[in-house]
C-alpha atoms as a PDB file:
ATOM      1  CA  MET A   1     183.054 105.906  52.690  1.00  0.00           C
ATOM      2  CA  ALA A   2     180.166 106.379  50.287  1.00  0.00           C
ATOM      3  CA  ARG A   3     178.421 110.350  50.605  1.00  0.00           C
ATOM      4  CA  THR A   4     174.923 109.664  51.624  1.00  0.00           C
ATOM      5  CA  GLY A   5     173.676 112.929  52.290  1.00  0.00           C
ATOM      6  CA  ASN A   6     174.209 116.657  51.197  1.00  0.00           C
ATOM      7  CA  LYS A   7     174.495 115.683  47.691  1.00  0.00           C
ATOM      8  CA  LEU A   8     172.963 118.808  45.964  1.00  0.00           C
ATOM      9  CA  SER A   9     174.657 122.528  45.843  1.00  0.00           C
ATOM     10  CA  ALA A  10     173.105 125.489  46.183  1.00  0.00           C
ATOM     11  CA  ARG A  11     174.028 126.304  42.414  1.00  0.00           C
ATOM     12  CA  PHE A  12     173.089 123.052  41.424  1.00  0.00           C
ATOM     13  CA  VAL A  13     169.328 124.231  43.341  1.00  0.00           C
ATOM     14  CA  GLN A  14     168.990 127.109  41.032  1.00  0.00           C
ATOM     15  CA  THR A  15     170.705 125.927  37.986  1.00  0.00           C
ATOM     16  CA  VAL A  16     168.839 122.549  37.557  1.00  0.00           C
ATOM     17  CA  THR A  17     166.106 122.337  34.475  1.00  0.00           C
ATOM     18  CA  GLU A  18     166.126 118.506  34.116  1.00  0.00           C
ATOM     19  CA  PRO A  19     162.494 117.075  35.252  1.00  0.00           C
ATOM     20  CA  GLY A  20     162.097 114.710  37.920  1.00  0.00           C
ATOM     21  CA  PHE A  21     163.231 113.761  41.617  1.00  0.00           C
ATOM     22  CA  HIS A  22     166.986 114.957  42.091  1.00  0.00           C
ATOM     23  CA  ALA A  23     168.225 113.340  45.609  1.00  0.00           C
ATOM     24  CA  ASP A  24     170.164 114.892  48.292  1.00  0.00           C
ATOM     25  CA  GLY A  25     170.220 112.309  50.503  1.00  0.00           C
ATOM     26  CA  HIS A  26     168.551 110.938  53.717  1.00  0.00           C
ATOM     27  CA  GLY A  27     165.137 111.122  52.238  1.00  0.00           C
ATOM     28  CA  LEU A  28     165.425 114.694  51.043  1.00  0.00           C
ATOM     29  CA  TYR A  29     164.352 115.499  47.156  1.00  0.00           C
ATOM     30  CA  LEU A  30     164.682 118.430  45.129  1.00  0.00           C
ATOM     31  CA  GLN A  31     161.379 117.768  42.947  1.00  0.00           C
ATOM     32  CA  VAL A  32     161.652 119.773  39.539  1.00  0.00           C
ATOM     33  CA  SER A  33     158.020 119.620  37.025  1.00  0.00           C
ATOM     34  CA  PRO A  34     158.012 119.771  33.717  1.00  0.00           C
ATOM     35  CA  GLN A  35     156.701 123.278  33.811  1.00  0.00           C
ATOM     36  CA  GLY A  36     160.379 123.673  35.381  1.00  0.00           C
ATOM     37  CA  SER A  37     158.788 124.921  38.604  1.00  0.00           C
ATOM     38  CA  LYS A  38     160.994 123.360  41.971  1.00  0.00           C
ATOM     39  CA  SER A  39     159.845 122.171  45.265  1.00  0.00           C
ATOM     40  CA  TRP A  40     161.160 120.132  48.086  1.00  0.00           C
ATOM     41  CA  ALA A  41     160.056 116.697  49.302  1.00  0.00           C
ATOM     42  CA  PHE A  42     160.841 114.404  52.019  1.00  0.00           C
ATOM     43  CA  ARG A  43     160.062 110.598  51.362  1.00  0.00           C
ATOM     44  CA  TYR A  44     160.236 108.150  54.285  1.00  0.00           C
ATOM     45  CA  ALA A  45     158.611 104.708  55.343  1.00  0.00           C
ATOM     46  CA  LEU A  46     156.595 104.115  58.610  1.00  0.00           C
ATOM     47  CA  ASP A  47     154.858 100.619  59.127  1.00  0.00           C
ATOM     48  CA  GLY A  48     155.770  99.668  56.073  1.00  0.00           C
ATOM     49  CA  LYS A  49     154.352 102.233  53.833  1.00  0.00           C
ATOM     50  CA  ALA A  50     156.227 104.959  52.007  1.00  0.00           C
ATOM     51  CA  ARG A  51     155.205 108.596  52.135  1.00  0.00           C
ATOM     52  CA  TRP A  52     155.742 111.535  50.504  1.00  0.00           C
ATOM     53  CA  MET A  53     155.840 115.207  52.230  1.00  0.00           C
ATOM     54  CA  GLY A  54     156.176 118.834  50.622  1.00  0.00           C
ATOM     55  CA  LEU A  55     158.625 121.142  52.170  1.00  0.00           C
ATOM     56  CA  GLY A  56     157.828 124.105  50.124  1.00  0.00           C
ATOM     57  CA  PRO A  57     158.777 126.023  47.139  1.00  0.00           C
ATOM     58  CA  ALA A  58     162.701 126.082  46.065  1.00  0.00           C
ATOM     59  CA  PHE A  59     162.203 129.680  45.777  1.00  0.00           C
ATOM     60  CA  ASP A  60     160.705 130.239  49.312  1.00  0.00           C
ATOM     61  CA  VAL A  61     163.042 127.446  51.108  1.00  0.00           C
ATOM     62  CA  SER A  62     166.386 127.331  50.671  1.00  0.00           C
ATOM     63  CA  LEU A  63     168.470 123.889  50.832  1.00  0.00           C
ATOM     64  CA  ALA A  64     170.079 124.768  54.153  1.00  0.00           C
ATOM     65  CA  ASP A  65     166.350 124.804  55.783  1.00  0.00           C
ATOM     66  CA  ALA A  66     164.818 121.921  53.354  1.00  0.00           C
ATOM     67  CA  ARG A  67     167.877 119.558  54.813  1.00  0.00           C
ATOM     68  CA  ALA A  68     166.665 121.478  58.470  1.00  0.00           C
ATOM     69  CA  GLU A  69     163.129 120.423  57.837  1.00  0.00           C
ATOM     70  CA  ALA A  70     164.398 116.920  56.701  1.00  0.00           C
ATOM     71  CA  GLN A  71     166.062 116.540  59.920  1.00  0.00           C
ATOM     72  CA  LYS A  72     163.086 117.601  61.911  1.00  0.00           C
ATOM     73  CA  CYS A  73     161.572 114.756  60.280  1.00  0.00           C
ATOM     74  CA  ARG A  74     163.915 112.245  61.096  1.00  0.00           C
ATOM     75  CA  ALA A  75     163.639 112.847  64.559  1.00  0.00           C
ATOM     76  CA  MET A  76     160.225 112.430  64.388  1.00  0.00           C
ATOM     77  CA  LEU A  77     160.433 108.815  62.779  1.00  0.00           C
ATOM     78  CA  ARG A  78     162.573 108.067  65.559  1.00  0.00           C
ATOM     79  CA  GLU A  79     159.923 108.417  68.109  1.00  0.00           C
ATOM     80  CA  LYS A  80     157.486 106.333  65.899  1.00  0.00           C
ATOM     81  CA  ILE A  81     155.601 110.095  65.089  1.00  0.00           C
ATOM     82  CA  ASP A  82     154.091 110.578  61.037  1.00  0.00           C
ATOM     83  CA  PRO A  83     155.326 114.208  60.706  1.00  0.00           C
ATOM     84  CA  ILE A  84     152.295 114.671  57.820  1.00  0.00           C
ATOM     85  CA  ASP A  85     149.793 113.572  60.574  1.00  0.00           C
ATOM     86  CA  GLU A  86     152.272 115.785  63.002  1.00  0.00           C
ATOM     87  CA  ARG A  87     151.800 118.626  60.989  1.00  0.00           C
ATOM     88  CA  ARG A  88     148.131 118.104  59.777  1.00  0.00           C
ATOM     89  CA  ALA A  89     147.517 117.965  63.948  1.00  0.00           C
ATOM     90  CA  ARG A  90     149.820 121.570  64.556  1.00  0.00           C
ATOM     91  CA  PHE A  91     147.018 122.710  61.695  1.00  0.00           C
ATOM     92  CA  GLN A  92     143.960 121.577  62.987  1.00  0.00           C
ATOM     93  CA  GLU A  93     145.389 123.051  66.487  1.00  0.00           C
ATOM     94  CA  LYS A  94     145.573 126.194  65.118  1.00  0.00           C
ATOM     95  CA  LYS A  95     142.289 126.613  63.306  1.00  0.00           C
ATOM     96  CA  LEU A  96     140.767 125.669  66.413  1.00  0.00           C
ATOM     97  CA  GLU A  97     142.628 128.503  68.216  1.00  0.00           C
ATOM     98  CA  ALA A  98     141.966 131.159  65.921  1.00  0.00           C
ATOM     99  CA  ALA A  99     137.992 130.290  66.048  1.00  0.00           C
ATOM    100  CA  MET A 100     138.090 130.370  69.638  1.00  0.00           C
ATOM    101  CA  THR A 101     139.698 133.903  69.466  1.00  0.00           C
ATOM    102  CA  ILE A 102     137.813 136.803  70.158  1.00  0.00           C
ATOM    103  CA  THR A 103     138.432 140.329  71.167  1.00  0.00           C
ATOM    104  CA  PHE A 104     137.038 141.997  74.284  1.00  0.00           C
ATOM    105  CA  ASP A 105     135.333 144.389  72.190  1.00  0.00           C
ATOM    106  CA  ASP A 106     133.288 141.574  70.174  1.00  0.00           C
ATOM    107  CA  ALA A 107     132.936 139.597  73.851  1.00  0.00           C
ATOM    108  CA  ALA A 108     131.455 142.566  75.285  1.00  0.00           C
ATOM    109  CA  ALA A 109     128.743 143.083  72.274  1.00  0.00           C
ATOM    110  CA  GLN A 110     127.907 139.630  72.745  1.00  0.00           C
ATOM    111  CA  TYR A 111     127.670 139.836  76.496  1.00  0.00           C
ATOM    112  CA  ILE A 112     125.327 142.717  76.013  1.00  0.00           C
ATOM    113  CA  ALA A 113     123.510 140.746  73.899  1.00  0.00           C
ATOM    114  CA  ALA A 114     122.968 137.984  75.711  1.00  0.00           C
ATOM    115  CA  HIS A 115     121.861 139.912  78.865  1.00  0.00           C
ATOM    116  CA  ARG A 116     120.007 142.535  77.364  1.00  0.00           C
ATOM    117  CA  ALA A 117     116.360 140.958  77.705  1.00  0.00           C
ATOM    118  CA  LYS A 118     116.678 140.756  81.624  1.00  0.00           C
ATOM    119  CA  TRP A 119     117.958 144.253  82.000  1.00  0.00           C
ATOM    120  CA  LYS A 120     114.888 146.855  83.020  1.00  0.00           C
ATOM    121  CA  ASN A 121     115.185 149.410  80.270  1.00  0.00           C
ATOM    122  CA  ASP A 122     117.504 150.613  77.284  1.00  0.00           C
ATOM    123  CA  LYS A 123     119.351 153.145  79.296  1.00  0.00           C
ATOM    124  CA  HIS A 124     121.247 150.407  81.328  1.00  0.00           C
ATOM    125  CA  THR A 125     122.201 148.317  78.202  1.00  0.00           C
ATOM    126  CA  GLN A 126     123.249 152.240  76.581  1.00  0.00           C
ATOM    127  CA  GLN A 127     125.521 152.630  79.642  1.00  0.00           C
ATOM    128  CA  TRP A 128     127.062 149.237  79.592  1.00  0.00           C
ATOM    129  CA  GLU A 129     128.146 150.027  76.190  1.00  0.00           C
ATOM    130  CA  ASN A 130     128.882 153.513  76.694  1.00  0.00           C
ATOM    131  CA  THR A 131     131.306 152.515  79.632  1.00  0.00           C
ATOM    132  CA  LEU A 132     133.203 150.016  78.092  1.00  0.00           C
ATOM    133  CA  SER A 133     133.791 151.722  74.579  1.00  0.00           C
ATOM    134  CA  THR A 134     134.485 155.175  76.489  1.00  0.00           C
ATOM    135  CA  TYR A 135     137.138 153.668  78.903  1.00  0.00           C
ATOM    136  CA  ALA A 136     138.123 149.551  78.330  1.00  0.00           C
ATOM    137  CA  SER A 137     137.850 149.579  73.979  1.00  0.00           C
ATOM    138  CA  PRO A 138     140.828 152.120  73.799  1.00  0.00           C
ATOM    139  CA  VAL A 139     142.972 150.546  75.820  1.00  0.00           C
ATOM    140  CA  PHE A 140     142.350 146.299  74.787  1.00  0.00           C
ATOM    141  CA  GLY A 141     139.664 146.666  72.950  1.00  0.00           C
ATOM    142  CA  LYS A 142     140.919 145.112  69.725  1.00  0.00           C
ATOM    143  CA  LEU A 143     143.316 142.217  71.848  1.00  0.00           C
ATOM    144  CA  PRO A 144     141.766 138.695  72.314  1.00  0.00           C
ATOM    145  CA  VAL A 145     140.350 138.139  75.691  1.00  0.00           C
ATOM    146  CA  ALA A 146     143.017 135.342  76.237  1.00  0.00           C
ATOM    147  CA  ALA A 147     145.501 138.432  75.978  1.00  0.00           C
ATOM    148  CA  ILE A 148     144.024 140.746  78.741  1.00  0.00           C
ATOM    149  CA  ASP A 149     145.732 140.963  82.463  1.00  0.00           C
ATOM    150  CA  THR A 150     146.160 142.650  85.329  1.00  0.00           C
ATOM    151  CA  ALA A 151     148.524 145.598  83.824  1.00  0.00           C
ATOM    152  CA  LEU A 152     146.081 145.744  81.060  1.00  0.00           C
ATOM    153  CA  ILE A 153     142.914 146.593  83.514  1.00  0.00           C
ATOM    154  CA  THR A 154     144.733 148.457  85.816  1.00  0.00           C
ATOM    155  CA  ARG A 155     145.970 150.687  82.888  1.00  0.00           C
ATOM    156  CA  ALA A 156     142.576 151.172  81.958  1.00  0.00           C
ATOM    157  CA  LEU A 157     141.123 151.846  85.275  1.00  0.00           C
ATOM    158  CA  GLU A 158     143.503 154.505  85.869  1.00  0.00           C
ATOM    159  CA  LYS A 159     144.217 156.168  82.972  1.00  0.00           C
ATOM    160  CA  ASP A 160     143.857 160.163  83.351  1.00  0.00           C
ATOM    161  CA  GLY A 161     143.140 159.435  87.256  1.00  0.00           C
ATOM    162  CA  LEU A 162     139.804 157.911  86.082  1.00  0.00           C
ATOM    163  CA  TRP A 163     140.291 155.951  89.507  1.00  0.00           C
ATOM    164  CA  LEU A 164     140.931 158.297  91.759  1.00  0.00           C
ATOM    165  CA  GLU A 165     138.654 161.145  89.905  1.00  0.00           C
ATOM    166  CA  LYS A 166     135.331 159.351  88.973  1.00  0.00           C
ATOM    167  CA  HIS A 167     135.618 156.464  91.355  1.00  0.00           C
ATOM    168  CA  GLU A 168     132.327 155.287  90.612  1.00  0.00           C
ATOM    169  CA  THR A 169     132.442 154.909  87.133  1.00  0.00           C
ATOM    170  CA  ALA A 170     135.738 153.097  87.565  1.00  0.00           C
ATOM    171  CA  ALA A 171     134.127 150.707  89.679  1.00  0.00           C
ATOM    172  CA  ARG A 172     131.414 150.221  87.357  1.00  0.00           C
ATOM    173  CA  LEU A 173     134.174 149.687  84.891  1.00  0.00           C
ATOM    174  CA  ARG A 174     135.864 147.238  86.482  1.00  0.00           C
ATOM    175  CA  GLY A 175     132.824 145.564  87.370  1.00  0.00           C
ATOM    176  CA  ARG A 176     131.402 145.332  84.043  1.00  0.00           C
ATOM    177  CA  ILE A 177     135.151 144.147  82.784  1.00  0.00           C
ATOM    178  CA  GLU A 178     135.329 141.215  85.393  1.00  0.00           C
ATOM    179  CA  ARG A 179     131.616 139.754  83.865  1.00  0.00           C
ATOM    180  CA  VAL A 180     132.782 140.208  80.159  1.00  0.00           C
ATOM    181  CA  LEU A 181     135.393 138.067  81.018  1.00  0.00           C
ATOM    182  CA  SER A 182     133.835 136.221  83.198  1.00  0.00           C
ATOM    183  CA  TRP A 183     131.483 135.379  80.106  1.00  0.00           C
ATOM    184  CA  SER A 184     134.409 134.792  77.949  1.00  0.00           C
ATOM    185  CA  THR A 185     135.960 131.653  80.379  1.00  0.00           C
ATOM    186  CA  VAL A 186     132.767 130.045  80.705  1.00  0.00           C
ATOM    187  CA  ARG A 187     132.520 130.403  76.329  1.00  0.00           C
ATOM    188  CA  GLY A 188     136.406 128.761  76.563  1.00  0.00           C
ATOM    189  CA  TYR A 189     137.576 131.859  74.919  1.00  0.00           C
ATOM    190  CA  ARG A 190     139.963 132.127  77.667  1.00  0.00           C
ATOM    191  CA  LYS A 191     141.224 130.328  80.488  1.00  0.00           C
ATOM    192  CA  GLY A 192     142.630 131.101  84.382  1.00  0.00           C
ATOM    193  CA  GLU A 193     142.092 133.615  86.865  1.00  0.00           C
ATOM    194  CA  ASN A 194     139.861 136.519  86.480  1.00  0.00           C
ATOM    195  CA  PRO A 195     142.267 139.380  86.757  1.00  0.00           C
ATOM    196  CA  ALA A 196     139.725 141.914  86.951  1.00  0.00           C
ATOM    197  CA  ARG A 197     138.399 140.248  90.607  1.00  0.00           C
ATOM    198  CA  TRP A 198     138.925 142.713  93.258  1.00  0.00           C
ATOM    199  CA  LYS A 199     138.454 140.742  96.256  1.00  0.00           C
ATOM    200  CA  GLY A 200     142.478 139.307  96.889  1.00  0.00           C
ATOM    201  CA  HIS A 201     143.508 140.981  93.488  1.00  0.00           C
ATOM    202  CA  LEU A 202     143.257 144.991  92.214  1.00  0.00           C
ATOM    203  CA  GLU A 203     142.400 145.334  95.937  1.00  0.00           C
ATOM    204  CA  GLU A 204     146.019 144.966  96.322  1.00  0.00           C
ATOM    205  CA  LEU A 205     146.954 147.253  93.818  1.00  0.00           C
ATOM    206  CA  LEU A 206     144.381 150.146  93.669  1.00  0.00           C
ATOM    207  CA  PRO A 207     143.484 152.514  96.965  1.00  0.00           C
ATOM    208  CA  ARG A 208     140.206 151.702  98.253  1.00  0.00           C
ATOM    209  CA  ILE A 209     138.162 154.915  97.929  1.00  0.00           C
ATOM    210  CA  SER A 210     135.545 155.142 100.723  1.00  0.00           C
ATOM    211  CA  GLU A 211     131.815 156.405 100.147  1.00  0.00           C
ATOM    212  CA  ALA A 212     132.333 159.459 101.939  1.00  0.00           C
ATOM    213  CA  ASP A 213     135.670 160.349  99.816  1.00  0.00           C
ATOM    214  CA  ARG A 214     134.136 159.965  96.141  1.00  0.00           C
ATOM    215  CA  VAL A 215     130.125 160.718  96.859  1.00  0.00           C
ATOM    216  CA  GLN A 216     129.071 164.103  96.798  1.00  0.00           C
ATOM    217  CA  HIS A 217     125.506 164.728  96.170  1.00  0.00           C
ATOM    218  CA  HIS A 218     123.903 167.872  94.700  1.00  0.00           C
ATOM    219  CA  PRO A 219     122.891 170.440  97.871  1.00  0.00           C
ATOM    220  CA  ALA A 220     119.309 169.950  99.264  1.00  0.00           C
ATOM    221  CA  LEU A 221     116.859 172.936  98.218  1.00  0.00           C
ATOM    222  CA  PRO A 222     116.574 174.487 101.446  1.00  0.00           C
ATOM    223  CA  TYR A 223     112.628 174.043 102.547  1.00  0.00           C
ATOM    224  CA  ALA A 224     112.137 177.690 103.333  1.00  0.00           C
ATOM    225  CA  VAL A 225     112.503 178.336  99.988  1.00  0.00           C
ATOM    226  CA  ILE A 226     110.670 175.223  97.942  1.00  0.00           C
ATOM    227  CA  GLY A 227     107.548 177.051  97.521  1.00  0.00           C
ATOM    228  CA  HIS A 228     108.981 180.198  95.796  1.00  0.00           C
ATOM    229  CA  PHE A 229     110.905 177.479  93.577  1.00  0.00           C
ATOM    230  CA  VAL A 230     107.766 175.856  92.568  1.00  0.00           C
ATOM    231  CA  ALA A 231     106.501 179.278  91.821  1.00  0.00           C
ATOM    232  CA  GLN A 232     108.942 179.700  89.188  1.00  0.00           C
ATOM    233  CA  VAL A 233     108.711 176.079  87.904  1.00  0.00           C
ATOM    234  CA  ARG A 234     104.602 177.158  87.554  1.00  0.00           C
ATOM    235  CA  GLY A 235     106.194 180.579  85.912  1.00  0.00           C
ATOM    236  CA  GLN A 236     107.981 178.289  83.051  1.00  0.00           C
ATOM    237  CA  ALA A 237     106.367 177.774  79.654  1.00  0.00           C
ATOM    238  CA  GLY A 238     106.701 174.403  78.383  1.00  0.00           C
ATOM    239  CA  ILE A 239     106.148 170.276  79.065  1.00  0.00           C
ATOM    240  CA  ALA A 240     109.643 170.052  80.998  1.00  0.00           C
ATOM    241  CA  ALA A 241     108.637 172.889  83.644  1.00  0.00           C
ATOM    242  CA  LEU A 242     105.376 170.468  83.925  1.00  0.00           C
ATOM    243  CA  ALA A 243     107.322 167.382  84.364  1.00  0.00           C
ATOM    244  CA  LEU A 244     109.601 168.839  86.693  1.00  0.00           C
ATOM    245  CA  GLU A 245     106.417 170.252  88.842  1.00  0.00           C
ATOM    246  CA  PHE A 246     105.172 166.768  88.610  1.00  0.00           C
ATOM    247  CA  THR A 247     108.490 164.949  89.730  1.00  0.00           C
ATOM    248  CA  ILE A 248     108.081 167.193  92.575  1.00  0.00           C
ATOM    249  CA  LEU A 249     104.582 166.423  93.737  1.00  0.00           C
ATOM    250  CA  THR A 250     104.979 162.928  93.541  1.00  0.00           C
ATOM    251  CA  CYS A 251     108.546 162.601  94.993  1.00  0.00           C
ATOM    252  CA  ALA A 252     108.921 160.203  91.847  1.00  0.00           C
ATOM    253  CA  ARG A 253     112.318 159.897  90.280  1.00  0.00           C
ATOM    254  CA  THR A 254     113.258 161.547  87.322  1.00  0.00           C
ATOM    255  CA  ALA A 255     113.203 158.348  84.730  1.00  0.00           C
ATOM    256  CA  GLU A 256     109.916 157.260  86.437  1.00  0.00           C
ATOM    257  CA  ALA A 257     108.118 160.405  86.266  1.00  0.00           C
ATOM    258  CA  ILE A 258     109.331 161.321  82.557  1.00  0.00           C
ATOM    259  CA  GLY A 259     108.575 157.716  81.392  1.00  0.00           C
ATOM    260  CA  ALA A 260     104.903 158.020  83.110  1.00  0.00           C
ATOM    261  CA  LYS A 261     101.753 156.779  80.353  1.00  0.00           C
ATOM    262  CA  TRP A 262      98.458 157.652  80.737  1.00  0.00           C
ATOM    263  CA  ASP A 263      97.367 154.046  81.457  1.00  0.00           C
ATOM    264  CA  GLU A 264      99.205 154.136  84.942  1.00  0.00           C
ATOM    265  CA  ILE A 265      96.902 157.033  86.078  1.00  0.00           C
ATOM    266  CA  ASP A 266      93.301 156.239  87.573  1.00  0.00           C
ATOM    267  CA  ARG A 267      91.692 159.534  87.840  1.00  0.00           C
ATOM    268  CA  ASP A 268      88.947 158.363  89.939  1.00  0.00           C
ATOM    269  CA  ASN A 269      91.033 157.694  92.999  1.00  0.00           C
ATOM    270  CA  ALA A 270      93.870 160.042  92.334  1.00  0.00           C
ATOM    271  CA  ILE A 271      96.239 157.037  92.361  1.00  0.00           C
ATOM    272  CA  TRP A 272      99.273 156.643  89.592  1.00  0.00           C
ATOM    273  CA  THR A 273     100.715 153.201  89.249  1.00  0.00           C
ATOM    274  CA  ILE A 274     104.366 152.467  88.183  1.00  0.00           C
ATOM    275  CA  PRO A 275     104.632 149.038  87.296  1.00  0.00           C
ATOM    276  CA  GLY A 276     107.278 146.638  88.653  1.00  0.00           C
ATOM    277  CA  SER A 277     109.015 146.634  85.411  1.00  0.00           C
ATOM    278  CA  ARG A 278     109.800 150.645  85.157  1.00  0.00           C
ATOM    279  CA  MET A 279     110.798 150.499  88.932  1.00  0.00           C
ATOM    280  CA  LYS A 280     114.430 150.402  90.597  1.00  0.00           C
ATOM    281  CA  MET A 281     113.412 147.302  93.138  1.00  0.00           C
ATOM    282  CA  LYS A 282     110.842 145.811  90.101  1.00  0.00           C
ATOM    283  CA  LYS A 283     108.102 146.052  92.806  1.00  0.00           C
ATOM    284  CA  GLU A 284     104.929 147.899  91.212  1.00  0.00           C
ATOM    285  CA  HIS A 285     104.428 151.463  93.511  1.00  0.00           C
ATOM    286  CA  ARG A 286     101.376 153.483  93.801  1.00  0.00           C
ATOM    287  CA  ILE A 287     101.373 157.198  94.283  1.00  0.00           C
ATOM    288  CA  PRO A 288      98.546 159.190  95.521  1.00  0.00           C
ATOM    289  CA  LEU A 289      98.552 162.220  93.134  1.00  0.00           C
ATOM    290  CA  SER A 290      97.296 166.308  94.936  1.00  0.00           C
ATOM    291  CA  PRO A 291      94.630 167.968  93.248  1.00  0.00           C
ATOM    292  CA  ARG A 292      97.830 169.955  91.763  1.00  0.00           C
ATOM    293  CA  ALA A 293      99.162 166.901  90.180  1.00  0.00           C
ATOM    294  CA  LEU A 294      95.335 166.207  88.725  1.00  0.00           C
ATOM    295  CA  GLU A 295      95.346 169.063  87.744  1.00  0.00           C
ATOM    296  CA  ILE A 296      98.795 169.265  85.456  1.00  0.00           C
ATOM    297  CA  LEU A 297      97.691 165.805  84.164  1.00  0.00           C
ATOM    298  CA  GLU A 298      94.146 167.560  83.626  1.00  0.00           C
ATOM    299  CA  GLY A 299      96.000 169.738  81.196  1.00  0.00           C
ATOM    300  CA  LEU A 300      98.162 167.880  79.128  1.00  0.00           C
ATOM    301  CA  GLU A 301      95.203 165.372  78.664  1.00  0.00           C
ATOM    302  CA  ARG A 302      93.577 168.185  76.269  1.00  0.00           C
ATOM    303  CA  VAL A 303      96.994 168.100  74.078  1.00  0.00           C
ATOM    304  CA  LYS A 304      97.388 164.053  74.463  1.00  0.00           C
ATOM    305  CA  SER A 305      99.439 162.514  71.491  1.00  0.00           C
ATOM    306  CA  GLY A 306     100.342 159.140  72.547  1.00  0.00           C
ATOM    307  CA  ASP A 307     100.997 156.688  75.447  1.00  0.00           C
ATOM    308  CA  PHE A 308     103.673 159.042  77.215  1.00  0.00           C
ATOM    309  CA  ILE A 309     102.145 162.057  79.522  1.00  0.00           C
ATOM    310  CA  PHE A 310     105.307 164.286  78.819  1.00  0.00           C
ATOM    311  CA  PRO A 311     106.022 163.267  75.151  1.00  0.00           C
ATOM    312  CA  GLY A 312     109.145 164.302  73.359  1.00  0.00           C
ATOM    313  CA  GLY A 313     110.185 165.270  70.212  1.00  0.00           C
ATOM    314  CA  ARG A 314     110.542 161.939  68.670  1.00  0.00           C
ATOM    315  CA  THR A 315     107.488 160.259  68.099  1.00  0.00           C
ATOM    316  CA  GLY A 316     106.629 157.367  70.511  1.00  0.00           C
ATOM    317  CA  LYS A 317     109.111 158.736  72.937  1.00  0.00           C
ATOM    318  CA  PRO A 318     108.731 160.616  76.251  1.00  0.00           C
ATOM    319  CA  ILE A 319     111.143 163.778  77.041  1.00  0.00           C
ATOM    320  CA  SER A 320     114.801 163.403  78.079  1.00  0.00           C
END
C-alpha cells in the first residue's frame, strides 16, 4: 500500500535547503523560502475552493506539532468548518474579551468619575477613593472584575480583623465594592450574581454586628462644666478656637461650620442660612445667631480675606 502520510522526518526538516513545498501528506507541507526560512502550511479544499493555511515557523513548531494541527484542521473540514475562518473567529473573540477586560481598580475609578457630580462634596469622593484603595485594592485591585468572587471579597472584609474591629468601615467597604461590581455588570465587564451582595449571600458567611456592639460614641460633656469649657476655648488664640465656639453656639455640624461663607450670613436679622447643597439632607437650614455668635463674626469680618468665614492656610480653602 502506498504511503500517503508522514513522509517527512525530523532530520529532513532540519537539513533541507531546497526551496519549495515539501509534502508530508494529508495536506501538510513544509515550505522552504529562497532565503532559507522554513514554515508549515496546510492545503485544503472547501466548496471547490483551494486554500492555504499557515501553521507557524518550523523553528517554533515541531514536525509532530504540525501534524497534530493538520489533524485538527481535517477534523473541522469533516464538519464543514473552514479552519481559517474558525481561527479568525477565535482571534476576534480573544480581541473582544481583551477589550471587555477591566481591573477592579480601573472599574472603581470609572465608577467614581461617573458618580462624582451627584455626590454632595469632594470629601465624599475622597472617602470612596480611600476606602477602596486601602482595603480592596491590595487584595484584588489588579484583577479583572470578572474574576472577583466571594472568597476574594470576604478576604478583603476580614483582613486584619476589619469586619469585627472596624465594622462600620467594613460595612461601607462591602457596599462600595457591591456598587462597583454592579456597575461593571451593567457595562458588560462581568456576568452573574454580585458576590458582594449582603442579603442571602454574605450574611450567611459573616457575623452580623449589632448597632449597639459596633457604635462607641464619644462621651458627652457634662452640662455643669460647659461654661468652664467655653471659657477655656475663648482663652485660646487663633481661628480654630473661634470656629469651635461658633460651632457650639449654633449647634451646627463641624463641616457646616468650618465651611460657612459670608454670603450665608444675614446680619440684619441675625440668621445664618446654610444652603441645601451643604446639608446632609440636602435641605436649606436656617440658624438664629446669638449676640456672641454675631460678635465672633464681627471680629472676623475685620480681617476678612475671602469667601470663607474661617479660612485655612491654603488660599480659597476653609480650615480643616
